[in-house]
Amino acid sequence: MTLANDVDSLLQNLGVPSDRYTQGSRAVRSPLTGETIASVQDATAGSATEAISRAQNAFLAWRTVPAPQRGELVRVLGNELRDAKTALGRLVTIEAGKILSEGQGEVQEMIDICDFAVGLSRQLYGLTIASERPNHRMMEQWHPLGPVGVITSFNFPVAVWAWNAALALVCGNPVIWKPSEKTPLTAIAVQALFERAAAKINGIPADLSTLLIGGRDVGELLVDDPRVPLVSATGSTAMGRMVGPRLARRFARSILELGGNNASIVCPSANLDLAVRAIAFAAIGTAGQRCTSLRRLFVHHSVYDAFVGRLKQVYASVRIGNPLAKDDVLVGPLIDETAFLKMQEALAEARTFGAEVFGGARIDEKQKPVAYYVTPALAEMPAQTGPVRRETFAPILYVMKYSELDKALALHNDVPQGLSSSIFSTDMHEVEKFLSVMGSDCGIANVNIGPSGAEIGGAFGGEKETGGGREAGSDAWKAYMRRVTSTINFGHDLPLAQGVRFDID
């Protein structure tokens, strides 16, 4: 069976009409083999504008539905995802290149956020606030905001949509989704599952979830439309530099999840067996194409040689290849040729700064059509210079030696990005300092695990050039709502705040 036939079977199983993936002008390619597996139709400016209008109409109806009833739709969606987990996970593998367990794991992440959001639908709490005026009460309410634009990237083609959509829906907002042009098929499949869930509940407004396939022009239209009060955008820092100001110009909100140049520190007291396993997954997993992938590693000089030696053994033995062809594969391909070329440019630049590079070569170069499988690269750097300060979306781990924790922390924080971080230590003083205001400046700071692999219960996101946005758990739901502070006078007098007097006859 060819991949195209496999895709056809999966999409049919997921309830997607064949004309949605066979009659378009945009070719869809699998990074597993490089072959074309489908063709989809891009949204036009007119169709996108019309879709936003429909979403606005859906909002006017959906905002009046009680939040627990909105949660029922998300509960049914979660059950649809449970039933489709195997098929949708395999489609993620084919379209994004992830190993099978990661494809399944991404769908499980969607299920988990649905469960979280169902509970949240009964917990959209506002505060009762003490008033300084007698016979007055203040309260805080949270109301639906409006249509939410969601722009996702290829590396998590469905989970990031779910983070946003599950929360937005229970908060009373429809969702307009612009997926990566590299991974439209998984988006089409998820949209079909949503439509199936909505059809099982009476009274669900049409167009609560809208899909806009296309390139940068479609994303720009979504960002610029005044009827979309919030856009959640995941991608590069360069993309965020364009999206953020455009939203700010029209006073719209943004949730930006941008680049990460994530680091870990291995201390003398670390459990090295645990650290090797954690660092290997964080740096090598998903072929280094997670926003939380480990890019920089600071190792104490007393354990440096032994630890880096063990890492090299792991790098030399890790199983790379097509995850559909071999069951034991741990690393799939890079997404495309551009990713491969950027990886090679970064390694060449690192060498000019004195790096000793282990790995980083391409394998299966004679495969036709062309796919890009590479061995993960470990670059021992004399200093944090050149490409170390940038994010390269590939399996490159820059390793540096340190002697004092304070200096390691200073280097750790001395990059523009601030997404995820971790420390490996059994010393309470080192751990607590890393987690304190004097420690990591990232949005995620872990202890004795790598920076990669976040759970949905915590708010996900980072600082500095990572964008400052937060998605998924904790109180991230508040970004999808508008806050109202109300004061109620239940007395017969009219005392003014701050002792102001305004007496009239």
Protein backbone atom coordinates (compact mmCIF):
# COMPACT_ATOMS: atom_id res chain seq x y z
CA MET A 1 0.00 0.00 0.00
CA THR A 2 1.34 3.43 -0.93
CA LEU A 3 1.23 6.27 1.57
CA ALA A 4 -1.41 7.99 -0.55
CA ASN A 5 -3.62 4.91 -0.28
CA ASP A 6 -2.95 4.72 3.44
CA VAL A 7 -3.97 8.36 3.81
CA ASP A 8 -7.13 7.79 1.76
CA SER A 9 -8.10 4.87 3.99
CA LEU A 10 -7.44 6.82 7.19
CA LEU A 11 -9.37 9.89 6.07
CA GLN A 12 -12.31 7.79 4.90
CA ASN A 13 -12.29 6.06 8.29
CA LEU A 14 -12.35 9.47 9.98
CA GLY A 15 -15.34 10.55 7.90
CA VAL A 16 -13.63 13.02 5.56
CA PRO A 17 -15.23 13.32 2.09
CA SER A 18 -12.67 12.54 -0.62
CA ASP A 19 -13.16 15.84 -2.41
CA ARG A 20 -11.61 17.64 0.60
CA TYR A 21 -8.20 16.06 -0.06
CA THR A 22 -8.16 15.12 -3.75
CA GLN A 23 -9.39 18.18 -5.64
CA GLY A 24 -7.14 21.04 -4.66
CA SER A 25 -4.19 22.90 -6.09
CA ARG A 26 -1.96 22.61 -2.99
CA ALA A 27 0.06 19.39 -2.95
CA VAL A 28 0.56 17.71 0.42
CA ARG A 29 3.81 15.84 0.92
CA SER A 30 4.83 13.31 3.57
CA PRO A 31 8.26 13.85 5.14
CA LEU A 32 8.53 10.06 5.62
CA THR A 33 9.20 9.45 1.94
CA GLY A 34 8.88 12.82 0.23
CA GLU A 35 5.98 11.57 -1.88
CA THR A 36 2.81 13.56 -2.56
CA ILE A 37 -0.07 12.06 -0.60
CA ALA A 38 -2.99 14.40 -1.29
CA SER A 39 -4.04 17.76 -2.69
CA VAL A 40 -6.13 20.35 -0.89
CA GLN A 41 -7.83 23.58 -1.83
CA ASP A 42 -6.70 26.89 -0.34
CA ALA A 43 -9.19 29.37 0.99
CA THR A 44 -9.60 32.50 -1.09
CA ALA A 45 -9.81 35.99 0.40
CA GLY A 46 -13.54 35.95 -0.26
CA SER A 47 -14.18 32.54 1.26
CA ALA A 48 -12.06 33.39 4.31
CA THR A 49 -13.93 36.64 4.89
CA GLU A 50 -17.23 34.80 4.55
CA ALA A 51 -16.05 32.15 7.04
CA ILE A 52 -15.24 34.85 9.59
CA SER A 53 -18.71 36.32 9.11
CA ARG A 54 -20.25 32.90 9.80
CA ALA A 55 -18.10 32.52 12.89
CA GLN A 56 -19.30 35.91 14.15
CA ASN A 57 -22.91 34.78 13.72
CA ALA A 58 -22.11 31.56 15.57
CA PHE A 59 -20.64 33.60 18.43
CA LEU A 60 -23.86 35.58 18.88
CA ALA A 61 -25.73 32.32 19.49
CA TRP A 62 -23.04 30.34 21.35
CA ARG A 63 -22.32 33.05 23.93
CA THR A 64 -25.86 32.69 25.32
CA VAL A 65 -25.56 28.94 25.88
CA PRO A 66 -24.74 28.13 29.54
CA ALA A 67 -21.10 27.18 29.98
CA PRO A 68 -21.82 23.63 31.27
CA GLN A 69 -23.82 22.98 28.10
CA ARG A 70 -20.90 24.28 26.06
CA GLY A 71 -18.76 21.81 27.98
CA GLU A 72 -21.01 18.98 26.81
CA LEU A 73 -19.93 19.62 23.22
CA VAL A 74 -16.29 19.40 24.25
CA ARG A 75 -17.02 16.17 26.16
CA VAL A 76 -18.50 14.59 23.04
CA LEU A 77 -15.55 15.85 20.97
CA GLY A 78 -13.18 14.17 23.44
CA ASN A 79 -15.02 10.89 22.98
CA GLU A 80 -14.79 11.20 19.19
CA LEU A 81 -11.05 11.71 19.57
CA ARG A 82 -10.81 8.61 21.78
CA ASP A 83 -12.49 6.52 19.11
CA ALA A 84 -10.26 8.01 16.39
CA LYS A 85 -6.98 7.97 18.34
CA THR A 86 -5.27 5.21 16.34
CA ALA A 87 -6.26 6.55 12.93
CA LEU A 88 -5.61 10.20 13.69
CA GLY A 89 -2.31 9.40 15.41
CA ARG A 90 -1.14 7.47 12.36
CA LEU A 91 -2.12 10.40 10.14
CA VAL A 92 0.01 12.69 12.34
CA THR A 93 2.93 10.31 11.78
CA ILE A 94 2.47 10.33 8.01
CA GLU A 95 2.03 14.07 7.67
CA ALA A 96 4.41 15.42 10.35
CA GLY A 97 6.97 12.59 10.48
CA LYS A 98 6.61 11.75 14.17
CA ILE A 99 7.16 8.24 15.46
CA LEU A 100 3.94 6.32 16.11
CA SER A 101 3.94 6.72 19.90
CA GLU A 102 4.35 10.48 19.52
CA GLY A 103 1.51 10.64 17.00
CA GLN A 104 -0.71 8.74 19.42
CA GLY A 105 0.55 10.90 22.27
CA GLU A 106 -0.45 14.06 20.46
CA VAL A 107 -4.02 12.81 20.11
CA GLN A 108 -4.00 11.84 23.78
CA GLU A 109 -3.04 15.41 24.54
CA MET A 110 -6.16 16.53 22.67
CA ILE A 111 -8.28 14.15 24.74
CA ASP A 112 -6.69 15.39 27.96
CA ILE A 113 -7.40 19.05 27.22
CA CYS A 114 -11.01 18.19 26.39
CA ASP A 115 -11.34 16.52 29.81
CA PHE A 116 -9.79 19.58 31.43
CA ALA A 117 -12.12 21.95 29.59
CA VAL A 118 -15.24 19.97 30.48
CA GLY A 119 -14.44 20.44 34.16
CA LEU A 120 -13.54 24.06 33.54
CA SER A 121 -16.99 24.71 32.05
CA ARG A 122 -18.36 24.60 35.61
CA GLN A 123 -15.51 26.62 37.10
CA LEU A 124 -15.37 29.92 35.20
CA TYR A 125 -15.24 31.68 38.52
CA GLY A 126 -15.36 35.40 39.22
CA LEU A 127 -14.47 37.06 42.51
CA THR A 128 -16.66 38.79 45.04
CA ILE A 129 -14.70 41.89 46.07
CA ALA A 130 -15.01 43.91 49.26
CA SER A 131 -16.22 47.45 48.64
CA GLU A 132 -15.03 50.45 50.63
CA ARG A 133 -18.55 51.89 50.46
CA PRO A 134 -21.29 50.76 52.87
CA ASN A 135 -24.14 48.70 51.40
CA HIS A 136 -22.16 48.06 48.23
CA ARG A 137 -20.80 44.88 46.72
CA MET A 138 -18.32 44.46 43.89
CA MET A 139 -18.01 41.38 41.73
CA GLU A 140 -15.98 40.17 38.80
CA GLN A 141 -17.54 38.36 35.86
CA TRP A 142 -16.02 36.66 32.82
CA HIS A 143 -17.90 36.84 29.53
CA PRO A 144 -17.24 35.29 26.10
CA LEU A 145 -14.86 37.32 23.95
CA GLY A 146 -15.65 36.53 20.31
CA PRO A 147 -14.28 34.44 17.44
CA VAL A 148 -10.79 33.14 18.22
CA GLY A 149 -8.24 32.76 15.43
CA VAL A 150 -5.82 29.86 15.84
CA ILE A 151 -2.67 29.61 13.70
CA THR A 152 -0.75 26.37 14.26
CA SER A 153 2.61 25.01 13.13
CA PHE A 154 3.56 21.66 11.59
CA ASN A 155 5.32 20.13 14.59
CA PHE A 156 2.15 19.81 16.69
CA PRO A 157 -0.45 19.84 13.93
CA VAL A 158 -3.49 18.98 16.07
CA ALA A 159 -2.67 19.26 19.80
CA VAL A 160 -2.13 23.02 19.78
CA TRP A 161 -5.48 23.53 18.05
CA ALA A 162 -7.10 21.48 20.82
CA TRP A 163 -5.38 23.50 23.56
CA ASN A 164 -7.01 26.61 22.15
CA ALA A 165 -10.28 25.21 20.83
CA ALA A 166 -11.34 23.29 23.93
CA LEU A 167 -10.87 26.36 26.14
CA ALA A 168 -12.31 28.81 23.62
CA LEU A 169 -15.44 26.71 23.14
CA VAL A 170 -16.30 26.34 26.83
CA CYS A 171 -15.58 30.05 27.24
CA GLY A 172 -18.28 30.77 24.64
CA ASN A 173 -16.21 31.46 21.54
CA PRO A 174 -16.11 29.88 18.07
CA VAL A 175 -12.72 28.97 16.58
CA ILE A 176 -11.27 29.81 13.16
CA TRP A 177 -8.29 27.56 12.42
CA LYS A 178 -5.48 28.28 9.99
CA PRO A 179 -3.22 25.18 10.12
CA SER A 180 0.32 24.97 8.79
CA GLU A 181 0.36 24.61 5.03
CA LYS A 182 2.66 21.60 5.65
CA THR A 183 0.05 19.68 7.64
CA PRO A 184 -3.47 20.39 6.35
CA LEU A 185 -4.71 16.78 6.29
CA THR A 186 -4.70 16.32 10.04
CA ALA A 187 -6.63 19.60 10.33
CA ILE A 188 -9.21 18.39 7.82
CA ALA A 189 -9.58 15.17 9.80
CA VAL A 190 -10.04 17.01 13.11
CA GLN A 191 -12.61 19.31 11.55
CA ALA A 192 -14.57 16.24 10.41
CA LEU A 193 -14.45 14.83 13.94
CA PHE A 194 -15.68 18.15 15.34
CA GLU A 195 -18.56 18.21 12.87
CA ARG A 196 -19.45 14.65 13.89
CA ALA A 197 -19.47 15.65 17.57
CA ALA A 198 -21.58 18.75 16.94
CA ALA A 199 -24.14 16.71 14.98
CA LYS A 200 -24.77 14.53 18.05
CA ILE A 201 -26.05 17.44 20.16
CA ASN A 202 -29.24 19.35 19.45
CA GLY A 203 -29.08 23.11 19.08
CA ILE A 204 -25.38 23.51 18.33
CA PRO A 205 -24.88 26.59 16.13
CA ALA A 206 -23.27 26.02 12.77
CA ASP A 207 -19.70 27.22 12.16
CA LEU A 208 -18.39 26.96 15.73
CA SER A 209 -15.24 25.53 14.16
CA THR A 210 -14.06 26.84 10.82
CA LEU A 211 -11.03 25.67 8.84
CA LEU A 212 -9.03 27.99 6.57
CA ILE A 213 -6.34 26.20 4.59
CA GLY A 214 -3.71 28.29 2.88
CA GLY A 215 -0.44 30.12 3.12
CA ARG A 216 0.71 33.35 4.69
CA ASP A 217 -1.96 35.43 2.96
CA VAL A 218 -4.74 33.53 4.71
CA GLY A 219 -3.04 33.98 8.07
CA GLU A 220 -2.66 37.71 7.45
CA LEU A 221 -6.33 38.04 6.63
CA LEU A 222 -7.23 36.35 9.91
CA VAL A 223 -4.82 38.56 11.85
CA ASP A 224 -6.14 41.78 10.30
CA ASP A 225 -9.89 41.16 10.55
CA PRO A 226 -11.47 43.36 13.27
CA ARG A 227 -14.12 40.73 13.98
CA VAL A 228 -11.46 38.42 15.45
CA PRO A 229 -10.60 39.84 18.90
CA LEU A 230 -7.99 37.20 19.76
CA VAL A 231 -5.44 35.34 17.67
CA SER A 232 -3.37 32.51 19.12
CA ALA A 233 -0.33 31.97 16.89
CA THR A 234 2.32 29.28 17.19
CA GLY A 235 5.48 29.50 15.11
CA SER A 236 8.81 31.21 14.76
CA THR A 237 9.89 34.42 16.45
CA ALA A 238 10.05 35.98 12.98
CA MET A 239 6.38 35.15 12.48
CA GLY A 240 5.55 36.64 15.88
CA ARG A 241 7.32 39.88 15.02
CA MET A 242 4.82 40.32 12.19
CA VAL A 243 1.70 39.02 13.91
CA GLY A 244 2.10 40.88 17.21
CA PRO A 245 2.32 44.45 15.85
CA ARG A 246 -0.50 43.86 13.37
CA LEU A 247 -2.80 42.74 16.16
CA ALA A 248 -1.66 45.59 18.37
CA ARG A 249 -2.49 48.13 15.66
CA ARG A 250 -6.15 47.20 15.94
CA PHE A 251 -5.98 46.63 19.73
CA ALA A 252 -6.66 42.91 19.39
CA ARG A 253 -5.29 40.35 21.81
CA SER A 254 -2.61 37.82 21.02
CA ILE A 255 -1.41 34.54 22.48
CA LEU A 256 2.06 34.12 20.97
CA GLU A 257 3.89 30.80 21.30
CA LEU A 258 7.15 31.43 19.47
CA GLY A 259 10.74 30.22 19.42
CA GLY A 260 12.48 28.33 22.18
CA ASN A 261 16.23 27.96 22.73
CA ASN A 262 15.84 25.67 25.68
CA ALA A 263 18.62 24.70 28.07
CA SER A 264 19.41 22.21 30.82
CA ILE A 265 22.07 22.27 33.52
CA VAL A 266 23.69 19.03 34.75
CA CYS A 267 25.10 19.53 38.25
CA PRO A 268 27.73 17.43 40.05
CA SER A 269 25.08 15.82 42.28
CA ALA A 270 22.80 14.84 39.36
CA ASN A 271 21.55 11.30 38.85
CA LEU A 272 23.44 10.82 35.61
CA ASP A 273 21.48 7.75 34.49
CA LEU A 274 18.27 9.70 34.73
CA ALA A 275 19.82 12.78 33.12
CA VAL A 276 21.08 10.85 30.09
CA ARG A 277 17.63 9.42 29.37
CA ALA A 278 15.88 12.75 29.86
CA ILE A 279 18.34 14.73 27.79
CA ALA A 280 18.32 12.19 24.97
CA PHE A 281 14.55 12.42 24.58
CA ALA A 282 14.50 16.21 24.92
CA ALA A 283 17.27 16.77 22.35
CA ILE A 284 16.66 13.93 19.90
CA GLY A 285 12.92 13.25 20.13
CA THR A 286 10.74 14.47 17.25
CA ALA A 287 14.02 15.00 15.37
CA GLY A 288 14.58 18.14 17.46
CA GLN A 289 11.44 19.73 16.02
CA ARG A 290 9.59 20.56 19.23
CA CYS A 291 9.39 24.12 20.46
CA THR A 292 10.56 22.68 23.80
CA SER A 293 13.39 20.58 22.32
CA LEU A 294 16.66 20.83 24.22
CA ARG A 295 19.13 23.04 22.33
CA ARG A 296 21.77 23.96 24.94
CA LEU A 297 23.35 21.85 27.67
CA PHE A 298 25.62 23.08 30.47
CA VAL A 299 27.53 20.28 32.20
CA HIS A 300 29.66 20.71 35.33
CA HIS A 301 33.35 20.17 34.61
CA SER A 302 33.62 17.39 37.23
CA VAL A 303 31.20 15.12 35.33
CA TYR A 304 31.62 16.56 31.83
CA ASP A 305 33.83 13.93 30.19
CA ALA A 306 31.95 10.95 31.56
CA PHE A 307 28.53 12.40 30.86
CA VAL A 308 29.22 13.64 27.35
CA GLY A 309 30.83 10.31 26.55
CA ARG A 310 27.62 8.53 27.49
CA LEU A 311 25.59 10.95 25.43
CA LYS A 312 27.73 10.23 22.39
CA GLN A 313 27.07 6.52 22.83
CA VAL A 314 23.32 7.21 22.82
CA TYR A 315 23.63 9.47 19.78
CA ALA A 316 25.59 6.80 17.91
CA SER A 317 23.06 4.05 18.64
CA VAL A 318 19.70 5.82 18.36
CA ARG A 319 17.44 4.19 15.77
CA ILE A 320 16.54 6.52 12.88
CA GLY A 321 14.20 5.87 9.99
CA ASN A 322 10.65 5.62 8.71
CA PRO A 323 8.48 4.79 11.75
CA LEU A 324 5.98 2.99 9.53
CA ALA A 325 8.68 0.70 8.17
CA LYS A 326 10.33 -0.33 11.47
CA ASP A 327 8.75 -0.75 14.89
CA ASP A 328 11.82 0.25 16.91
CA VAL A 329 12.48 3.66 15.30
CA LEU A 330 12.94 6.52 17.77
CA VAL A 331 13.71 9.38 15.36
CA GLY A 332 11.86 10.19 12.17
CA PRO A 333 12.70 12.68 9.43
CA LEU A 334 13.10 16.42 9.30
CA ILE A 335 10.02 18.06 7.87
CA ASP A 336 11.63 19.13 4.58
CA GLU A 337 14.74 20.20 2.69
CA THR A 338 14.70 23.70 4.16
CA ALA A 339 14.99 22.27 7.66
CA PHE A 340 17.91 20.09 6.58
CA LEU A 341 19.77 22.97 4.95
CA LYS A 342 19.32 25.19 8.01
CA MET A 343 20.69 22.42 10.19
CA GLN A 344 23.78 22.07 8.01
CA GLU A 345 24.30 25.84 7.96
CA ALA A 346 24.13 25.99 11.74
CA LEU A 347 26.65 23.14 12.15
CA ALA A 348 29.03 24.74 9.65
CA GLU A 349 28.81 28.03 11.52
CA ALA A 350 29.37 26.27 14.86
CA ARG A 351 32.60 24.80 13.51
CA THR A 352 33.85 28.30 12.69
CA PHE A 353 33.43 29.11 16.40
CA GLY A 354 35.55 26.12 17.37
CA ALA A 355 32.88 23.45 17.84
CA GLU A 356 33.68 19.76 17.74
CA VAL A 357 30.64 18.22 16.04
CA PHE A 358 29.55 14.64 16.57
CA GLY A 359 26.86 13.40 14.15
CA GLY A 360 24.64 15.58 11.99
CA ALA A 361 24.98 13.68 8.71
CA ARG A 362 22.18 12.85 6.33
CA ILE A 363 21.24 9.22 5.75
CA ASP A 364 19.25 7.52 2.98
CA GLU A 365 20.37 10.17 0.49
CA LYS A 366 19.50 7.98 -2.50
CA GLN A 367 15.85 7.57 -1.54
CA LYS A 368 13.39 8.74 -4.18
CA PRO A 369 11.25 10.74 -3.71
CA VAL A 370 13.50 12.68 -1.39
CA ALA A 371 13.18 12.54 2.40
CA TYR A 372 15.53 14.06 4.96
CA TYR A 373 16.69 11.72 7.71
CA VAL A 374 19.68 12.87 9.75
CA THR A 375 21.75 11.62 12.62
CA PRO A 376 21.33 13.90 15.66
CA ALA A 377 24.24 16.27 16.20
CA LEU A 378 26.12 17.00 19.39
CA ALA A 379 28.30 20.11 19.14
CA GLU A 380 30.80 20.74 21.94
CA MET A 381 31.21 24.51 22.07
CA PRO A 382 33.96 26.53 23.76
CA ALA A 383 31.47 29.36 24.43
CA GLN A 384 27.86 30.39 23.89
CA THR A 385 28.47 32.18 20.59
CA GLY A 386 27.19 32.18 17.02
CA PRO A 387 24.36 29.72 16.31
CA VAL A 388 24.05 28.74 19.99
CA ARG A 389 22.10 31.94 20.62
CA ARG A 390 19.56 31.12 17.90
CA GLU A 391 16.98 28.39 17.58
CA THR A 392 17.60 25.91 14.78
CA PHE A 393 14.62 23.59 14.38
CA ALA A 394 16.65 20.40 14.10
CA PRO A 395 18.37 17.85 16.38
CA ILE A 396 21.42 19.92 17.33
CA LEU A 397 22.55 19.97 20.97
CA TYR A 398 25.21 22.53 21.88
CA VAL A 399 27.18 21.33 24.92
CA MET A 400 29.24 23.62 27.14
CA LYS A 401 31.27 23.14 30.31
CA TYR A 402 30.74 25.17 33.48
CA SER A 403 32.37 25.47 36.91
CA GLU A 404 30.06 27.75 38.94
CA LEU A 405 26.26 27.53 39.02
CA ASP A 406 25.81 31.30 39.01
CA LYS A 407 27.78 31.58 35.78
CA ALA A 408 25.82 28.69 34.26
CA LEU A 409 22.56 30.44 35.18
CA ALA A 410 23.79 33.68 33.63
CA LEU A 411 24.58 31.86 30.37
CA HIS A 412 21.32 29.95 30.57
CA ASN A 413 19.37 33.22 30.63
CA ASP A 414 21.63 35.09 28.18
CA VAL A 415 19.63 34.28 25.04
CA PRO A 416 16.66 36.12 23.54
CA GLN A 417 14.25 33.21 24.02
CA GLY A 418 12.62 32.07 27.25
CA LEU A 419 10.39 29.04 26.78
CA SER A 420 11.54 25.97 28.71
CA SER A 421 14.42 24.93 30.96
CA SER A 422 15.53 22.29 33.44
CA ILE A 423 18.17 21.39 36.01
CA PHE A 424 19.47 17.99 37.03
CA SER A 425 20.53 18.07 40.66
CA THR A 426 19.87 16.44 44.03
CA ASP A 427 21.22 19.48 45.89
CA MET A 428 18.32 21.44 47.42
CA HIS A 429 20.24 24.72 47.26
CA GLU A 430 20.89 24.34 43.51
CA VAL A 431 17.32 23.28 42.76
CA GLU A 432 15.67 26.05 44.73
CA LYS A 433 17.95 28.70 43.28
CA PHE A 434 17.14 27.50 39.76
CA LEU A 435 13.41 27.84 40.50
CA SER A 436 13.75 31.20 42.27
CA VAL A 437 13.70 34.70 40.86
CA MET A 438 17.51 34.41 40.59
CA GLY A 439 17.25 31.27 38.47
CA SER A 440 15.67 30.35 35.15
CA ASP A 441 13.90 33.20 33.34
CA CYS A 442 11.75 30.81 31.28
CA GLY A 443 8.03 30.17 31.42
CA ILE A 444 8.74 26.50 32.20
CA ALA A 445 11.39 25.46 34.74
CA ASN A 446 11.73 21.74 35.48
CA VAL A 447 13.77 19.71 37.94
CA ASN A 448 15.23 16.30 37.09
CA ILE A 449 13.29 16.05 33.84
CA GLY A 450 14.06 17.60 30.48
CA PRO A 451 12.47 20.79 29.15
CA SER A 452 10.33 18.85 26.67
CA GLY A 453 7.02 17.09 27.25
CA ALA A 454 4.61 19.45 29.02
CA GLU A 455 1.32 18.31 30.56
CA ILE A 456 -1.91 20.14 29.83
CA GLY A 457 -2.64 20.91 33.50
CA GLY A 458 -0.05 23.68 33.59
CA ALA A 459 -0.10 26.87 31.57
CA PHE A 460 2.24 26.41 28.59
CA GLY A 461 4.32 29.26 27.23
CA GLY A 462 7.39 31.42 27.73
CA GLU A 463 8.88 34.87 28.07
CA LYS A 464 11.02 37.29 26.05
CA GLU A 465 11.06 36.39 22.33
CA THR A 466 8.92 33.34 23.06
CA GLY A 467 6.03 35.79 23.12
CA GLY A 468 4.57 35.71 26.63
CA GLY A 469 1.45 33.73 25.69
CA ARG A 470 -0.03 30.95 27.80
CA GLU A 471 -2.19 28.06 26.62
CA ALA A 472 -3.74 24.89 28.09
CA GLY A 473 -4.11 24.60 31.88
CA SER A 474 -4.05 26.66 35.06
CA ASP A 475 -5.84 30.01 34.46
CA ALA A 476 -4.95 30.26 30.76
CA TRP A 477 -8.71 30.27 30.07
CA LYS A 478 -8.92 33.92 31.10
CA ALA A 479 -7.22 34.98 27.86
CA TYR A 480 -10.28 33.77 25.94
CA MET A 481 -12.76 35.88 27.92
CA ARG A 482 -13.43 39.50 28.76
CA ARG A 483 -13.47 40.65 32.37
CA VAL A 484 -16.29 42.78 33.77
CA THR A 485 -16.13 44.43 37.20
CA SER A 486 -19.57 45.35 38.55
CA THR A 487 -20.57 47.35 41.64
CA ILE A 488 -24.02 46.88 43.19
CA ASN A 489 -25.56 49.43 45.57
CA PHE A 490 -28.20 47.74 47.75
CA GLY A 491 -28.64 50.70 50.07
CA HIS A 492 -30.51 54.01 49.84
CA ASP A 493 -27.55 56.38 49.99
CA LEU A 494 -24.91 57.17 47.36
CA PRO A 495 -21.48 57.33 49.03
CA LEU A 496 -18.72 57.91 46.49
CA ALA A 497 -15.38 56.13 46.42
CA GLN A 498 -12.24 57.76 47.81
CA GLY A 499 -14.36 60.08 49.93
CA VAL A 500 -15.35 62.26 46.99
CA ARG A 501 -18.29 64.61 47.69
CA PHE A 502 -20.66 65.75 44.98
CA ASP A 503 -23.68 67.28 46.70
CA ILE A 504 -26.52 68.60 44.55
CA ASP A 505 -29.78 70.20 45.64
